[in-house]
Amino acid sequence: MSACLAQPPVQTSDSTLPPSPTPPTSLPTAPVPAPAWRRSSYSTGANNCVESARTRADGLAVRDSKDVNLPHLSFTPGAWTAFVHALCGEAAAS
């Protein structure tokens, strides 16, 4: 083995190298407001229903009122309309 390979690398300072770029700072973001959850007026108050809320993307979020910490389901307006029409036994208008 040659002598140059057996020696540890030597750190040198080279002032000709440009300084490392500063990482970009992230822009502050506005806090996302919590959705305004609404409970059905048919609810008995025994937490045995679902709650719904509008989302920022003009969709609908639905969650179980018994455990509001569980994830919610998200629906597009068209999917929710089709679901309600199916429950009522109606054909959804296209």
Protein backbone atom coordinates (compact mmCIF):
# COMPACT_ATOMS: atom_id res chain seq x y z
CA MET A 1 0.00 0.00 0.00
CA SER A 2 1.41 3.38 -0.86
CA ALA A 3 2.13 5.95 1.85
CA CYS A 4 -0.31 8.52 0.48
CA LEU A 5 -3.26 6.14 0.78
CA ALA A 6 -2.45 5.18 4.35
CA GLN A 7 -2.51 8.75 5.69
CA PRO A 8 -5.75 10.43 6.80
CA PRO A 9 -7.09 13.17 4.54
CA VAL A 10 -5.93 16.67 5.33
CA GLN A 11 -8.53 19.43 5.59
CA THR A 12 -7.50 22.58 3.83
CA SER A 13 -9.14 25.95 3.62
CA ASP A 14 -9.56 27.32 0.13
CA SER A 15 -10.64 30.94 0.09
CA THR A 16 -11.28 30.78 -3.65
CA LEU A 17 -14.44 28.72 -3.16
CA PRO A 18 -17.66 30.73 -3.11
CA PRO A 19 -19.62 30.67 0.12
CA SER A 20 -22.31 28.04 0.28
CA PRO A 21 -25.70 29.40 -0.63
CA THR A 22 -28.08 30.33 2.15
CA PRO A 23 -31.09 28.04 2.17
CA PRO A 24 -34.31 29.84 1.24
CA THR A 25 -36.51 30.81 4.12
CA SER A 26 -40.04 29.56 4.03
CA LEU A 27 -42.78 32.11 3.83
CA PRO A 28 -45.12 32.29 6.79
CA THR A 29 -48.41 30.61 6.12
CA ALA A 30 -51.74 31.65 7.46
CA PRO A 31 -53.30 29.17 9.84
CA VAL A 32 -55.95 27.01 8.24
CA PRO A 33 -59.25 27.65 9.98
CA ALA A 34 -60.95 24.64 11.48
CA PRO A 35 -64.07 23.63 9.59
CA ALA A 36 -67.39 24.69 11.06
CA TRP A 37 -68.97 21.34 11.83
CA ARG A 38 -72.77 21.16 11.73
CA ARG A 39 -74.94 18.49 13.29
CA SER A 40 -78.25 17.41 11.85
CA SER A 41 -81.34 19.04 13.34
CA TYR A 42 -82.76 15.51 13.55
CA SER A 43 -80.05 14.53 16.04
CA THR A 44 -81.27 13.55 19.47
CA GLY A 45 -78.19 14.92 21.20
CA ALA A 46 -77.03 11.41 22.12
CA ASN A 47 -74.05 11.68 19.72
CA ASN A 48 -75.53 9.08 17.39
CA CYS A 49 -75.32 10.99 14.14
CA VAL A 50 -72.86 12.44 11.67
CA GLU A 51 -71.57 15.98 11.39
CA SER A 52 -70.76 17.77 8.16
CA ALA A 53 -68.59 20.74 7.22
CA ARG A 54 -67.71 22.61 4.03
CA THR A 55 -64.10 22.24 2.95
CA ARG A 56 -61.85 24.85 1.36
CA ALA A 57 -62.07 23.03 -1.97
CA ASP A 58 -65.88 23.43 -2.10
CA GLY A 59 -66.32 19.85 -0.98
CA LEU A 60 -67.99 18.29 2.02
CA ALA A 61 -66.39 16.60 5.02
CA VAL A 62 -68.37 14.12 7.12
CA ARG A 63 -67.40 12.70 10.50
CA ASP A 64 -68.86 10.51 13.23
CA SER A 65 -70.17 12.59 16.13
CA LYS A 66 -69.34 9.84 18.64
CA ASP A 67 -65.60 10.28 18.10
CA VAL A 68 -64.74 13.59 16.45
CA ASN A 69 -61.01 12.82 16.67
CA LEU A 70 -61.25 10.08 14.04
CA PRO A 71 -60.48 11.07 10.44
CA HIS A 72 -63.33 12.48 8.39
CA LEU A 73 -64.53 11.42 4.95
CA SER A 74 -64.30 13.92 2.09
CA PHE A 75 -66.77 14.16 -0.78
CA THR A 76 -67.00 16.27 -3.90
CA PRO A 77 -70.32 18.10 -4.29
CA GLY A 78 -71.34 15.74 -7.12
CA ALA A 79 -70.51 12.61 -5.13
CA TRP A 80 -72.48 13.83 -2.11
CA THR A 81 -75.49 14.75 -4.27
CA ALA A 82 -75.44 11.30 -5.90
CA PHE A 83 -75.23 9.67 -2.45
CA VAL A 84 -78.24 11.61 -1.12
CA HIS A 85 -80.26 10.87 -4.26
CA ALA A 86 -79.41 7.17 -3.91
CA LEU A 87 -80.62 7.22 -0.29
CA CYS A 88 -83.88 8.79 -1.36
CA GLY A 89 -84.29 6.34 -4.25
CA GLU A 90 -84.03 9.09 -6.84
CA ALA A 91 -81.94 9.35 -9.96
CA ALA A 92 -79.33 12.07 -9.69
CA ALA A 93 -79.64 14.82 -12.29
CA SER A 94 -76.63 15.06 -14.58
